[in-house]
Amino acid sequence: MAYYPINLRISGRRCLVIGGGEVAERKVTALLAAEAIVTLCSPMLTPLLLDFSKSGKITYINTAYAAGLAKNYFIVICATSDSTVNTLAAQEARDAGALVNVVDAPDLCDFTVPAQVVNGDLVLTVSTGGKSPALASWMRKDLAKHYGPEYGLYLDMISRLRQEIKERLVSSAERQVVWREALDEEVFCLLAAGRMDEAEEKIRNAAGCIGVES
């Protein structure tokens, strides 16, 4: 089965997770991180999911899944241990126009959730089409070794400097030179060492040298 890679903006969108175990906990946590409006349906909850419910972070339906509950959602994730319930909920949700994910059943999914390395706004993903979650997990850990928090810090820094560089350098070609030079190992080493000011100054210096004759 071929998948089309895509990043979805789900902030403010209604999402339903069916199930209250550790898998559901991971799904809910990820949805909340993406600022979704999350409803959870399950007669039992993990301690963390219970905390989410008590704090108002999620809407909790304290019951087993029943027909009619999977309507009016953008995303529905079926994460119960009962394959019959998962299949029923998935079909109903799909008929209602939702995007559906059924844990451990890629053939029933409209989308799968890849293994992820997240550092700020940098998100690296690995997908095996559901064929080998172990390989995806191994590759995620390998990527995490090579792309640490400094890459998220880099994006934050570039975001702050972008307007400043744009005002300093009118030419798009000149700005591209700066951004290429900003992708420098020394910059990432400075960020990894917590020397943010020095990393920023290095990029500002690069911008200041553009167009200056030696």
N, C-alpha and C. Protein backbone atom coordinates (compact mmCIF):
# COMPACT_ATOMS: atom_id res chain seq x y z
N MET A 1 0.85 -1.20 0.00
CA MET A 1 0.00 0.00 0.00
C MET A 1 0.88 1.25 0.00
N ALA A 2 0.65 2.13 -0.93
CA ALA A 2 1.44 3.36 -1.03
C ALA A 2 0.78 4.47 -0.22
N TYR A 3 1.60 5.28 0.44
CA TYR A 3 1.09 6.41 1.21
C TYR A 3 1.63 7.71 0.63
N TYR A 4 0.84 8.76 0.77
CA TYR A 4 1.24 10.09 0.32
C TYR A 4 1.65 10.89 1.55
N PRO A 5 2.92 11.20 1.71
CA PRO A 5 3.38 11.91 2.91
C PRO A 5 2.76 13.30 2.99
N ILE A 6 2.35 13.68 4.20
CA ILE A 6 1.71 14.98 4.37
C ILE A 6 1.80 15.40 5.83
N ASN A 7 1.93 16.69 6.07
CA ASN A 7 1.85 17.25 7.43
C ASN A 7 0.50 17.94 7.56
N LEU A 8 -0.29 17.52 8.52
CA LEU A 8 -1.63 18.08 8.70
C LEU A 8 -1.62 19.16 9.78
N ARG A 9 -2.27 20.27 9.50
CA ARG A 9 -2.51 21.29 10.53
C ARG A 9 -3.84 20.97 11.20
N ILE A 10 -3.80 20.55 12.45
CA ILE A 10 -5.03 20.13 13.12
C ILE A 10 -5.35 21.00 14.33
N SER A 11 -4.68 22.13 14.45
CA SER A 11 -4.99 23.05 15.55
C SER A 11 -6.46 23.45 15.49
N GLY A 12 -7.15 23.24 16.59
CA GLY A 12 -8.56 23.61 16.67
C GLY A 12 -9.51 22.61 16.01
N ARG A 13 -8.99 21.51 15.48
CA ARG A 13 -9.84 20.50 14.85
C ARG A 13 -10.24 19.44 15.86
N ARG A 14 -11.46 18.93 15.73
CA ARG A 14 -11.99 17.94 16.67
C ARG A 14 -11.47 16.54 16.29
N CYS A 15 -10.86 15.89 17.27
CA CYS A 15 -10.29 14.56 17.05
C CYS A 15 -10.77 13.62 18.15
N LEU A 16 -11.03 12.38 17.78
CA LEU A 16 -11.53 11.37 18.71
C LEU A 16 -10.53 10.23 18.82
N VAL A 17 -10.22 9.84 20.06
CA VAL A 17 -9.41 8.66 20.31
C VAL A 17 -10.28 7.66 21.07
N ILE A 18 -10.34 6.44 20.56
CA ILE A 18 -11.13 5.39 21.19
C ILE A 18 -10.17 4.41 21.84
N GLY A 19 -10.23 4.29 23.14
CA GLY A 19 -9.31 3.45 23.90
C GLY A 19 -8.67 4.27 25.00
N GLY A 20 -8.27 3.59 26.09
CA GLY A 20 -7.72 4.33 27.22
C GLY A 20 -6.41 3.78 27.75
N GLY A 21 -5.72 2.96 26.94
CA GLY A 21 -4.47 2.36 27.38
C GLY A 21 -3.25 3.19 27.00
N GLU A 22 -2.08 2.56 27.07
CA GLU A 22 -0.83 3.27 26.81
C GLU A 22 -0.73 3.76 25.36
N VAL A 23 -1.24 2.97 24.42
CA VAL A 23 -1.21 3.41 23.02
C VAL A 23 -2.09 4.65 22.84
N ALA A 24 -3.28 4.60 23.40
CA ALA A 24 -4.17 5.75 23.32
C ALA A 24 -3.53 6.97 23.98
N GLU A 25 -2.83 6.73 25.07
CA GLU A 25 -2.14 7.83 25.77
C GLU A 25 -1.15 8.52 24.85
N ARG A 26 -0.37 7.73 24.11
CA ARG A 26 0.59 8.32 23.18
C ARG A 26 -0.11 9.11 22.09
N LYS A 27 -1.22 8.57 21.59
CA LYS A 27 -1.96 9.26 20.52
C LYS A 27 -2.53 10.58 21.02
N VAL A 28 -3.12 10.55 22.22
CA VAL A 28 -3.71 11.76 22.78
C VAL A 28 -2.64 12.82 23.03
N THR A 29 -1.51 12.40 23.56
CA THR A 29 -0.42 13.33 23.85
C THR A 29 0.05 14.03 22.58
N ALA A 30 0.18 13.27 21.50
CA ALA A 30 0.61 13.84 20.23
C ALA A 30 -0.43 14.81 19.67
N LEU A 31 -1.70 14.45 19.77
CA LEU A 31 -2.76 15.33 19.28
C LEU A 31 -2.81 16.63 20.06
N LEU A 32 -2.64 16.55 21.38
CA LEU A 32 -2.63 17.76 22.19
C LEU A 32 -1.43 18.64 21.84
N ALA A 33 -0.30 18.02 21.57
CA ALA A 33 0.88 18.79 21.19
C ALA A 33 0.65 19.55 19.88
N ALA A 34 -0.22 19.00 19.03
CA ALA A 34 -0.56 19.65 17.76
C ALA A 34 -1.76 20.59 17.92
N GLU A 35 -2.19 20.81 19.17
CA GLU A 35 -3.26 21.76 19.51
C GLU A 35 -4.62 21.34 18.99
N ALA A 36 -4.83 20.04 18.87
CA ALA A 36 -6.15 19.54 18.48
C ALA A 36 -7.11 19.60 19.68
N ILE A 37 -8.40 19.58 19.37
CA ILE A 37 -9.44 19.47 20.40
C ILE A 37 -9.76 17.99 20.51
N VAL A 38 -9.40 17.38 21.64
CA VAL A 38 -9.41 15.93 21.75
C VAL A 38 -10.55 15.43 22.64
N THR A 39 -11.26 14.43 22.11
CA THR A 39 -12.25 13.68 22.88
C THR A 39 -11.75 12.24 23.00
N LEU A 40 -11.90 11.68 24.18
CA LEU A 40 -11.46 10.31 24.44
C LEU A 40 -12.63 9.47 24.90
N CYS A 41 -12.77 8.30 24.28
CA CYS A 41 -13.87 7.39 24.63
C CYS A 41 -13.29 6.09 25.15
N SER A 42 -13.54 5.76 26.43
CA SER A 42 -13.06 4.51 27.02
C SER A 42 -13.60 4.38 28.44
N PRO A 43 -13.93 3.15 28.88
CA PRO A 43 -14.37 2.97 30.26
C PRO A 43 -13.21 2.98 31.25
N MET A 44 -11.98 2.89 30.75
CA MET A 44 -10.81 2.87 31.63
C MET A 44 -9.74 3.80 31.06
N LEU A 45 -8.96 4.40 31.97
CA LEU A 45 -7.93 5.35 31.55
C LEU A 45 -6.61 5.07 32.27
N THR A 46 -5.51 5.41 31.59
CA THR A 46 -4.22 5.43 32.28
C THR A 46 -4.21 6.63 33.22
N PRO A 47 -3.30 6.64 34.19
CA PRO A 47 -3.23 7.80 35.10
C PRO A 47 -3.03 9.13 34.39
N LEU A 48 -2.20 9.13 33.34
CA LEU A 48 -1.96 10.39 32.62
C LEU A 48 -3.22 10.84 31.89
N LEU A 49 -3.93 9.92 31.25
CA LEU A 49 -5.18 10.28 30.58
C LEU A 49 -6.21 10.78 31.57
N LEU A 50 -6.23 10.19 32.76
CA LEU A 50 -7.13 10.66 33.81
C LEU A 50 -6.79 12.09 34.21
N ASP A 51 -5.49 12.38 34.29
CA ASP A 51 -5.07 13.75 34.61
C ASP A 51 -5.50 14.71 33.51
N PHE A 52 -5.36 14.29 32.25
CA PHE A 52 -5.80 15.13 31.14
C PHE A 52 -7.29 15.45 31.26
N SER A 53 -8.06 14.44 31.64
CA SER A 53 -9.51 14.63 31.78
C SER A 53 -9.83 15.59 32.92
N LYS A 54 -9.19 15.38 34.07
CA LYS A 54 -9.47 16.21 35.24
C LYS A 54 -9.06 17.66 35.03
N SER A 55 -7.99 17.85 34.26
CA SER A 55 -7.50 19.21 34.02
C SER A 55 -8.24 19.91 32.89
N GLY A 56 -9.12 19.18 32.21
CA GLY A 56 -9.88 19.78 31.12
C GLY A 56 -9.15 19.83 29.79
N LYS A 57 -8.01 19.15 29.70
CA LYS A 57 -7.27 19.15 28.44
C LYS A 57 -7.99 18.33 27.37
N ILE A 58 -8.77 17.35 27.80
CA ILE A 58 -9.54 16.54 26.87
C ILE A 58 -10.98 16.44 27.35
N THR A 59 -11.87 16.08 26.44
CA THR A 59 -13.24 15.74 26.80
C THR A 59 -13.31 14.23 26.95
N TYR A 60 -13.81 13.76 28.07
CA TYR A 60 -13.79 12.33 28.35
C TYR A 60 -15.20 11.75 28.32
N ILE A 61 -15.38 10.72 27.47
CA ILE A 61 -16.64 9.97 27.42
C ILE A 61 -16.39 8.64 28.13
N ASN A 62 -16.94 8.51 29.31
CA ASN A 62 -16.67 7.35 30.17
C ASN A 62 -17.59 6.18 29.81
N THR A 63 -17.30 5.58 28.66
CA THR A 63 -18.10 4.45 28.21
C THR A 63 -17.35 3.70 27.13
N ALA A 64 -17.72 2.45 26.92
CA ALA A 64 -17.19 1.71 25.78
C ALA A 64 -17.77 2.31 24.50
N TYR A 65 -17.09 2.08 23.38
CA TYR A 65 -17.57 2.65 22.13
C TYR A 65 -18.96 2.12 21.78
N ALA A 66 -19.80 3.03 21.33
CA ALA A 66 -21.14 2.67 20.88
C ALA A 66 -21.41 3.36 19.56
N ALA A 67 -22.25 2.76 18.75
CA ALA A 67 -22.58 3.32 17.44
C ALA A 67 -23.04 4.76 17.58
N GLY A 68 -22.54 5.61 16.70
CA GLY A 68 -22.92 7.01 16.69
C GLY A 68 -21.90 7.95 17.33
N LEU A 69 -20.92 7.40 18.03
CA LEU A 69 -19.96 8.24 18.73
C LEU A 69 -18.86 8.80 17.82
N ALA A 70 -18.67 8.17 16.67
CA ALA A 70 -17.54 8.56 15.82
C ALA A 70 -17.90 9.58 14.74
N LYS A 71 -18.98 10.30 14.94
CA LYS A 71 -19.40 11.28 13.95
C LYS A 71 -18.92 12.68 14.32
N ASN A 72 -18.74 13.51 13.30
CA ASN A 72 -18.39 14.92 13.47
C ASN A 72 -16.97 15.15 14.01
N TYR A 73 -16.05 14.32 13.57
CA TYR A 73 -14.65 14.50 13.93
C TYR A 73 -13.80 14.57 12.66
N PHE A 74 -12.69 15.30 12.77
CA PHE A 74 -11.76 15.41 11.65
C PHE A 74 -10.87 14.17 11.56
N ILE A 75 -10.40 13.72 12.72
CA ILE A 75 -9.58 12.52 12.82
C ILE A 75 -10.16 11.61 13.88
N VAL A 76 -10.19 10.31 13.59
CA VAL A 76 -10.60 9.31 14.57
C VAL A 76 -9.51 8.25 14.64
N ILE A 77 -9.02 8.01 15.85
CA ILE A 77 -8.00 7.00 16.09
C ILE A 77 -8.58 5.89 16.94
N CYS A 78 -8.54 4.67 16.41
CA CYS A 78 -9.11 3.51 17.10
C CYS A 78 -7.97 2.74 17.75
N ALA A 79 -7.92 2.77 19.08
CA ALA A 79 -6.78 2.20 19.80
C ALA A 79 -7.22 1.28 20.92
N THR A 80 -8.32 0.55 20.71
CA THR A 80 -8.74 -0.42 21.71
C THR A 80 -8.06 -1.76 21.43
N SER A 81 -8.19 -2.69 22.37
CA SER A 81 -7.62 -4.03 22.19
C SER A 81 -8.61 -4.97 21.51
N ASP A 82 -9.78 -4.45 21.14
CA ASP A 82 -10.84 -5.25 20.52
C ASP A 82 -10.90 -4.91 19.02
N SER A 83 -10.46 -5.82 18.17
CA SER A 83 -10.41 -5.55 16.73
C SER A 83 -11.81 -5.33 16.15
N THR A 84 -12.82 -5.98 16.72
CA THR A 84 -14.18 -5.80 16.22
C THR A 84 -14.66 -4.37 16.46
N VAL A 85 -14.37 -3.86 17.66
CA VAL A 85 -14.74 -2.49 18.00
C VAL A 85 -13.99 -1.51 17.11
N ASN A 86 -12.69 -1.76 16.94
CA ASN A 86 -11.89 -0.87 16.10
C ASN A 86 -12.43 -0.81 14.67
N THR A 87 -12.78 -1.97 14.13
CA THR A 87 -13.28 -2.04 12.75
C THR A 87 -14.62 -1.31 12.62
N LEU A 88 -15.51 -1.53 13.58
CA LEU A 88 -16.82 -0.88 13.56
C LEU A 88 -16.67 0.65 13.64
N ALA A 89 -15.84 1.11 14.57
CA ALA A 89 -15.66 2.55 14.76
C ALA A 89 -14.99 3.17 13.53
N ALA A 90 -14.04 2.46 12.96
CA ALA A 90 -13.34 2.97 11.78
C ALA A 90 -14.29 3.16 10.61
N GLN A 91 -15.14 2.19 10.38
CA GLN A 91 -16.07 2.27 9.27
C GLN A 91 -17.07 3.40 9.46
N GLU A 92 -17.58 3.52 10.67
CA GLU A 92 -18.54 4.58 10.95
C GLU A 92 -17.89 5.96 10.80
N ALA A 93 -16.66 6.09 11.31
CA ALA A 93 -15.96 7.38 11.21
C ALA A 93 -15.68 7.73 9.76
N ARG A 94 -15.25 6.74 8.99
CA ARG A 94 -14.95 6.99 7.57
C ARG A 94 -16.21 7.38 6.81
N ASP A 95 -17.31 6.70 7.10
CA ASP A 95 -18.58 7.04 6.46
C ASP A 95 -19.02 8.46 6.78
N ALA A 96 -18.58 8.95 7.95
CA ALA A 96 -18.95 10.31 8.37
C ALA A 96 -17.96 11.35 7.87
N GLY A 97 -16.91 10.89 7.13
CA GLY A 97 -15.98 11.83 6.52
C GLY A 97 -14.70 12.07 7.28
N ALA A 98 -14.45 11.29 8.33
CA ALA A 98 -13.23 11.48 9.12
C ALA A 98 -12.05 10.76 8.49
N LEU A 99 -10.84 11.21 8.82
CA LEU A 99 -9.64 10.46 8.52
C LEU A 99 -9.42 9.47 9.65
N VAL A 100 -9.13 8.23 9.31
CA VAL A 100 -9.13 7.15 10.30
C VAL A 100 -7.76 6.51 10.42
N ASN A 101 -7.38 6.26 11.67
CA ASN A 101 -6.19 5.46 11.96
C ASN A 101 -6.59 4.35 12.93
N VAL A 102 -6.29 3.11 12.55
CA VAL A 102 -6.55 1.97 13.42
C VAL A 102 -5.21 1.38 13.82
N VAL A 103 -4.93 1.40 15.10
CA VAL A 103 -3.64 0.95 15.59
C VAL A 103 -3.42 -0.52 15.23
N ASP A 104 -2.24 -0.82 14.69
CA ASP A 104 -1.83 -2.19 14.34
C ASP A 104 -2.66 -2.81 13.22
N ALA A 105 -3.36 -1.96 12.45
CA ALA A 105 -4.14 -2.49 11.32
C ALA A 105 -4.02 -1.52 10.14
N PRO A 106 -2.86 -1.47 9.49
CA PRO A 106 -2.64 -0.49 8.42
C PRO A 106 -3.63 -0.61 7.27
N ASP A 107 -4.16 -1.80 7.01
CA ASP A 107 -5.13 -1.96 5.92
C ASP A 107 -6.43 -1.22 6.18
N LEU A 108 -6.70 -0.90 7.45
CA LEU A 108 -7.94 -0.21 7.81
C LEU A 108 -7.72 1.31 7.96
N CYS A 109 -6.49 1.75 7.72
CA CYS A 109 -6.14 3.15 7.98
C CYS A 109 -6.24 4.01 6.73
N ASP A 110 -6.66 5.26 6.93
CA ASP A 110 -6.50 6.28 5.90
C ASP A 110 -5.11 6.89 5.99
N PHE A 111 -4.51 6.81 7.16
CA PHE A 111 -3.16 7.34 7.37
C PHE A 111 -2.50 6.55 8.49
N THR A 112 -1.18 6.54 8.47
CA THR A 112 -0.42 5.98 9.59
C THR A 112 0.40 7.10 10.21
N VAL A 113 0.80 6.90 11.46
CA VAL A 113 1.59 7.91 12.17
C VAL A 113 3.03 7.42 12.21
N PRO A 114 3.94 8.15 11.56
CA PRO A 114 5.33 7.68 11.49
C PRO A 114 6.06 7.86 12.81
N ALA A 115 7.16 7.13 12.96
CA ALA A 115 8.07 7.38 14.08
C ALA A 115 8.64 8.78 13.91
N GLN A 116 8.81 9.50 15.02
CA GLN A 116 9.16 10.91 14.92
C GLN A 116 10.33 11.29 15.82
N VAL A 117 11.15 12.20 15.31
CA VAL A 117 12.14 12.92 16.11
C VAL A 117 11.71 14.37 16.08
N VAL A 118 11.42 14.93 17.24
CA VAL A 118 10.91 16.30 17.31
C VAL A 118 11.85 17.17 18.13
N ASN A 119 12.35 18.20 17.51
CA ASN A 119 13.17 19.20 18.20
C ASN A 119 12.64 20.57 17.81
N GLY A 120 11.78 21.13 18.66
CA GLY A 120 11.15 22.39 18.33
C GLY A 120 10.28 22.23 17.09
N ASP A 121 10.51 23.07 16.10
CA ASP A 121 9.73 23.00 14.87
C ASP A 121 10.31 22.03 13.86
N LEU A 122 11.45 21.43 14.19
CA LEU A 122 12.01 20.42 13.30
C LEU A 122 11.40 19.07 13.62
N VAL A 123 10.77 18.47 12.63
CA VAL A 123 10.16 17.14 12.80
C VAL A 123 10.70 16.21 11.72
N LEU A 124 11.39 15.17 12.14
CA LEU A 124 11.88 14.15 11.22
C LEU A 124 11.04 12.90 11.42
N THR A 125 10.58 12.31 10.33
CA THR A 125 9.70 11.15 10.44
C THR A 125 10.24 9.97 9.65
N VAL A 126 9.89 8.77 10.13
CA VAL A 126 10.28 7.53 9.47
C VAL A 126 9.05 6.65 9.37
N SER A 127 8.76 6.18 8.17
CA SER A 127 7.63 5.29 7.97
C SER A 127 8.06 4.05 7.20
N THR A 128 7.55 2.91 7.61
CA THR A 128 7.81 1.66 6.89
C THR A 128 6.51 1.10 6.31
N GLY A 129 5.48 1.95 6.21
CA GLY A 129 4.21 1.48 5.69
C GLY A 129 3.54 0.45 6.58
N GLY A 130 3.93 0.47 7.86
CA GLY A 130 3.35 -0.49 8.81
C GLY A 130 4.00 -1.86 8.76
N LYS A 131 5.02 -2.03 7.91
CA LYS A 131 5.61 -3.36 7.76
C LYS A 131 6.61 -3.71 8.85
N SER A 132 7.27 -2.69 9.40
CA SER A 132 8.27 -2.97 10.44
C SER A 132 8.37 -1.80 11.41
N PRO A 133 7.49 -1.74 12.41
CA PRO A 133 7.60 -0.69 13.43
C PRO A 133 8.95 -0.72 14.14
N ALA A 134 9.55 -1.93 14.26
CA ALA A 134 10.84 -2.03 14.94
C ALA A 134 11.93 -1.28 14.16
N LEU A 135 11.91 -1.41 12.83
CA LEU A 135 12.88 -0.69 12.00
C LEU A 135 12.65 0.81 12.10
N ALA A 136 11.40 1.23 12.06
CA ALA A 136 11.10 2.66 12.17
C ALA A 136 11.60 3.21 13.50
N SER A 137 11.41 2.45 14.58
CA SER A 137 11.87 2.88 15.89
C SER A 137 13.39 2.95 15.94
N TRP A 138 14.06 1.98 15.35
CA TRP A 138 15.53 1.96 15.33
C TRP A 138 16.06 3.17 14.56
N MET A 139 15.45 3.46 13.41
CA MET A 139 15.90 4.58 12.60
C MET A 139 15.62 5.91 13.28
N ARG A 140 14.50 5.98 14.00
CA ARG A 140 14.19 7.21 14.75
C ARG A 140 15.28 7.48 15.79
N LYS A 141 15.70 6.44 16.51
CA LYS A 141 16.74 6.63 17.51
C LYS A 141 18.06 7.02 16.86
N ASP A 142 18.35 6.46 15.69
CA ASP A 142 19.58 6.80 14.98
C ASP A 142 19.56 8.26 14.53
N LEU A 143 18.42 8.71 14.01
CA LEU A 143 18.29 10.11 13.60
C LEU A 143 18.45 11.05 14.79
N ALA A 144 17.90 10.64 15.94
CA ALA A 144 17.97 11.49 17.12
C ALA A 144 19.41 11.71 17.57
N LYS A 145 20.28 10.72 17.30
CA LYS A 145 21.69 10.87 17.66
C LYS A 145 22.37 11.95 16.82
N HIS A 146 21.93 12.08 15.58
CA HIS A 146 22.59 12.99 14.65
C HIS A 146 21.96 14.38 14.59
N TYR A 147 20.68 14.46 14.95
CA TYR A 147 19.97 15.74 14.84
C TYR A 147 19.36 16.07 16.20
N GLY A 148 20.15 16.75 17.02
CA GLY A 148 19.75 17.05 18.38
C GLY A 148 19.01 18.36 18.52
N PRO A 149 18.84 18.83 19.77
CA PRO A 149 18.07 20.06 20.05
C PRO A 149 18.62 21.29 19.36
N GLU A 150 19.92 21.28 18.99
CA GLU A 150 20.50 22.46 18.34
C GLU A 150 19.83 22.77 17.01
N TYR A 151 19.23 21.75 16.38
CA TYR A 151 18.57 22.00 15.10
C TYR A 151 17.24 22.73 15.30
N GLY A 152 16.56 22.44 16.38
CA GLY A 152 15.37 23.22 16.71
C GLY A 152 15.73 24.65 17.07
N LEU A 153 16.83 24.81 17.82
CA LEU A 153 17.31 26.15 18.17
C LEU A 153 17.70 26.93 16.91
N TYR A 154 18.27 26.23 15.96
CA TYR A 154 18.65 26.87 14.70
C TYR A 154 17.42 27.46 14.00
N LEU A 155 16.35 26.70 13.95
CA LEU A 155 15.13 27.21 13.31
C LEU A 155 14.58 28.42 14.04
N ASP A 156 14.63 28.38 15.38
CA ASP A 156 14.17 29.55 16.15
C ASP A 156 15.02 30.77 15.82
N MET A 157 16.33 30.57 15.74
CA MET A 157 17.24 31.66 15.45
C MET A 157 17.00 32.23 14.06
N ILE A 158 16.87 31.36 13.07
CA ILE A 158 16.64 31.81 11.70
C ILE A 158 15.33 32.58 11.60
N SER A 159 14.33 32.12 12.33
CA SER A 159 13.04 32.82 12.32
C SER A 159 13.18 34.24 12.85
N ARG A 160 13.99 34.41 13.90
CA ARG A 160 14.21 35.75 14.46
C ARG A 160 15.01 36.63 13.52
N LEU A 161 15.98 36.04 12.82
CA LEU A 161 16.88 36.83 11.98
C LEU A 161 16.33 37.11 10.58
N ARG A 162 15.30 36.37 10.18
CA ARG A 162 14.85 36.45 8.79
C ARG A 162 14.48 37.88 8.38
N GLN A 163 13.68 38.57 9.18
CA GLN A 163 13.25 39.91 8.81
C GLN A 163 14.43 40.88 8.81
N GLU A 164 15.32 40.71 9.78
CA GLU A 164 16.51 41.57 9.85
C GLU A 164 17.38 41.42 8.59
N ILE A 165 17.59 40.18 8.17
CA ILE A 165 18.40 39.93 6.97
C ILE A 165 17.68 40.45 5.73
N LYS A 166 16.37 40.29 5.70
CA LYS A 166 15.60 40.76 4.56
C LYS A 166 15.71 42.26 4.40
N GLU A 167 15.71 42.99 5.51
CA GLU A 167 15.82 44.44 5.45
C GLU A 167 17.24 44.86 5.07
N ARG A 168 18.22 44.09 5.49
CA ARG A 168 19.61 44.44 5.21
C ARG A 168 19.99 44.13 3.77
N LEU A 169 19.46 43.01 3.25
CA LEU A 169 19.82 42.57 1.91
C LEU A 169 18.55 42.53 1.05
N VAL A 170 18.45 43.44 0.11
CA VAL A 170 17.25 43.54 -0.73
C VAL A 170 17.19 42.40 -1.73
N SER A 171 18.34 41.99 -2.22
CA SER A 171 18.40 40.96 -3.26
C SER A 171 18.12 39.57 -2.69
N SER A 172 17.21 38.85 -3.35
CA SER A 172 16.93 37.48 -2.95
C SER A 172 18.16 36.60 -3.11
N ALA A 173 18.95 36.84 -4.16
CA ALA A 173 20.16 36.06 -4.39
C ALA A 173 21.15 36.24 -3.25
N GLU A 174 21.28 37.47 -2.75
CA GLU A 174 22.19 37.74 -1.64
C GLU A 174 21.71 37.04 -0.36
N ARG A 175 20.40 37.07 -0.14
CA ARG A 175 19.87 36.42 1.06
C ARG A 175 20.10 34.91 1.00
N GLN A 176 19.98 34.34 -0.19
CA GLN A 176 20.20 32.90 -0.33
C GLN A 176 21.64 32.53 0.02
N VAL A 177 22.57 33.41 -0.31
CA VAL A 177 23.97 33.17 0.05
C VAL A 177 24.12 33.11 1.57
N VAL A 178 23.46 34.03 2.26
CA VAL A 178 23.53 34.05 3.73
C VAL A 178 22.95 32.77 4.32
N TRP A 179 21.79 32.36 3.82
CA TRP A 179 21.15 31.16 4.38
C TRP A 179 21.98 29.92 4.11
N ARG A 180 22.67 29.89 2.96
CA ARG A 180 23.55 28.74 2.68
C ARG A 180 24.74 28.74 3.64
N GLU A 181 25.29 29.93 3.89
CA GLU A 181 26.42 30.01 4.80
C GLU A 181 26.00 29.74 6.24
N ALA A 182 24.74 29.99 6.54
CA ALA A 182 24.24 29.73 7.89
C ALA A 182 24.17 28.23 8.19
N LEU A 183 24.11 27.43 7.13
CA LEU A 183 24.13 25.98 7.32
C LEU A 183 25.57 25.52 7.46
N ASP A 184 26.14 25.91 8.58
CA ASP A 184 27.56 25.71 8.82
C ASP A 184 27.72 24.88 10.10
N GLU A 185 28.65 23.94 10.07
CA GLU A 185 28.85 23.06 11.23
C GLU A 185 29.20 23.85 12.48
N GLU A 186 29.96 24.94 12.30
CA GLU A 186 30.33 25.76 13.46
C GLU A 186 29.10 26.38 14.12
N VAL A 187 28.13 26.80 13.30
CA VAL A 187 26.90 27.37 13.85
C VAL A 187 26.18 26.35 14.72
N PHE A 188 26.07 25.12 14.24
CA PHE A 188 25.38 24.09 15.01
C PHE A 188 26.16 23.71 16.26
N CYS A 189 27.49 23.74 16.19
CA CYS A 189 28.31 23.46 17.37
C CYS A 189 28.10 24.54 18.44
N LEU A 190 28.02 25.79 18.00
CA LEU A 190 27.77 26.89 18.93
C LEU A 190 26.40 26.74 19.61
N LEU A 191 25.41 26.37 18.82
CA LEU A 191 24.06 26.19 19.37
C LEU A 191 24.02 25.02 20.34
N ALA A 192 24.71 23.94 19.99
CA ALA A 192 24.75 22.77 20.87
C ALA A 192 25.41 23.10 22.20
N ALA A 193 26.35 24.06 22.17
CA ALA A 193 27.04 24.47 23.39
C ALA A 193 26.29 25.57 24.14
N GLY A 194 25.13 25.96 23.62
CA GLY A 194 24.34 27.00 24.28
C GLY A 194 24.82 28.40 24.01
N ARG A 195 25.66 28.56 23.00
CA ARG A 195 26.22 29.89 22.67
C ARG A 195 25.42 30.53 21.55
N MET A 196 24.17 30.81 21.85
CA MET A 196 23.22 31.33 20.88
C MET A 196 23.65 32.68 20.32
N ASP A 197 24.13 33.58 21.20
CA ASP A 197 24.52 34.92 20.74
C ASP A 197 25.65 34.85 19.72
N GLU A 198 26.60 33.94 19.95
CA GLU A 198 27.72 33.82 19.02
C GLU A 198 27.26 33.26 17.68
N ALA A 199 26.32 32.33 17.73
CA ALA A 199 25.80 31.76 16.49
C ALA A 199 25.06 32.82 15.68
N GLU A 200 24.27 33.63 16.36
CA GLU A 200 23.55 34.70 15.67
C GLU A 200 24.53 35.71 15.07
N GLU A 201 25.57 36.05 15.82
CA GLU A 201 26.52 37.04 15.34
C GLU A 201 27.27 36.54 14.11
N LYS A 202 27.53 35.24 14.06
CA LYS A 202 28.20 34.67 12.90
C LYS A 202 27.36 34.86 11.64
N ILE A 203 26.06 34.68 11.77
CA ILE A 203 25.17 34.85 10.62
C ILE A 203 25.05 36.33 10.25
N ARG A 204 24.97 37.19 11.25
CA ARG A 204 24.91 38.63 10.97
C ARG A 204 26.18 39.09 10.26
N ASN A 205 27.31 38.55 10.69
CA ASN A 205 28.57 38.91 10.03
C ASN A 205 28.57 38.47 8.57
N ALA A 206 28.03 37.29 8.32
CA ALA A 206 27.95 36.80 6.94
C ALA A 206 27.10 37.73 6.09
N ALA A 207 26.00 38.21 6.66
CA ALA A 207 25.12 39.13 5.94
C ALA A 207 25.83 40.45 5.69
N GLY A 208 26.63 40.90 6.66
CA GLY A 208 27.32 42.17 6.52
C GLY A 208 28.44 42.13 5.48
N CYS A 209 28.95 40.93 5.20
CA CYS A 209 30.05 40.80 4.23
C CYS A 209 29.56 40.69 2.79
N ILE A 210 28.27 40.41 2.63
CA ILE A 210 27.74 40.27 1.28
C ILE A 210 27.85 41.60 0.54
N GLY A 211 28.44 41.56 -0.64
CA GLY A 211 28.55 42.74 -1.47
C GLY A 211 29.69 43.67 -1.12
N VAL A 212 30.48 43.27 -0.08
CA VAL A 212 31.63 44.10 0.30
C VAL A 212 32.86 43.63 -0.45
N GLU A 213 33.52 44.52 -1.18
CA GLU A 213 34.70 44.13 -1.96
C GLU A 213 35.89 43.97 -1.03
N SER A 214 36.70 42.94 -1.32
CA SER A 214 37.91 42.71 -0.51
C SER A 214 39.05 43.59 -1.03
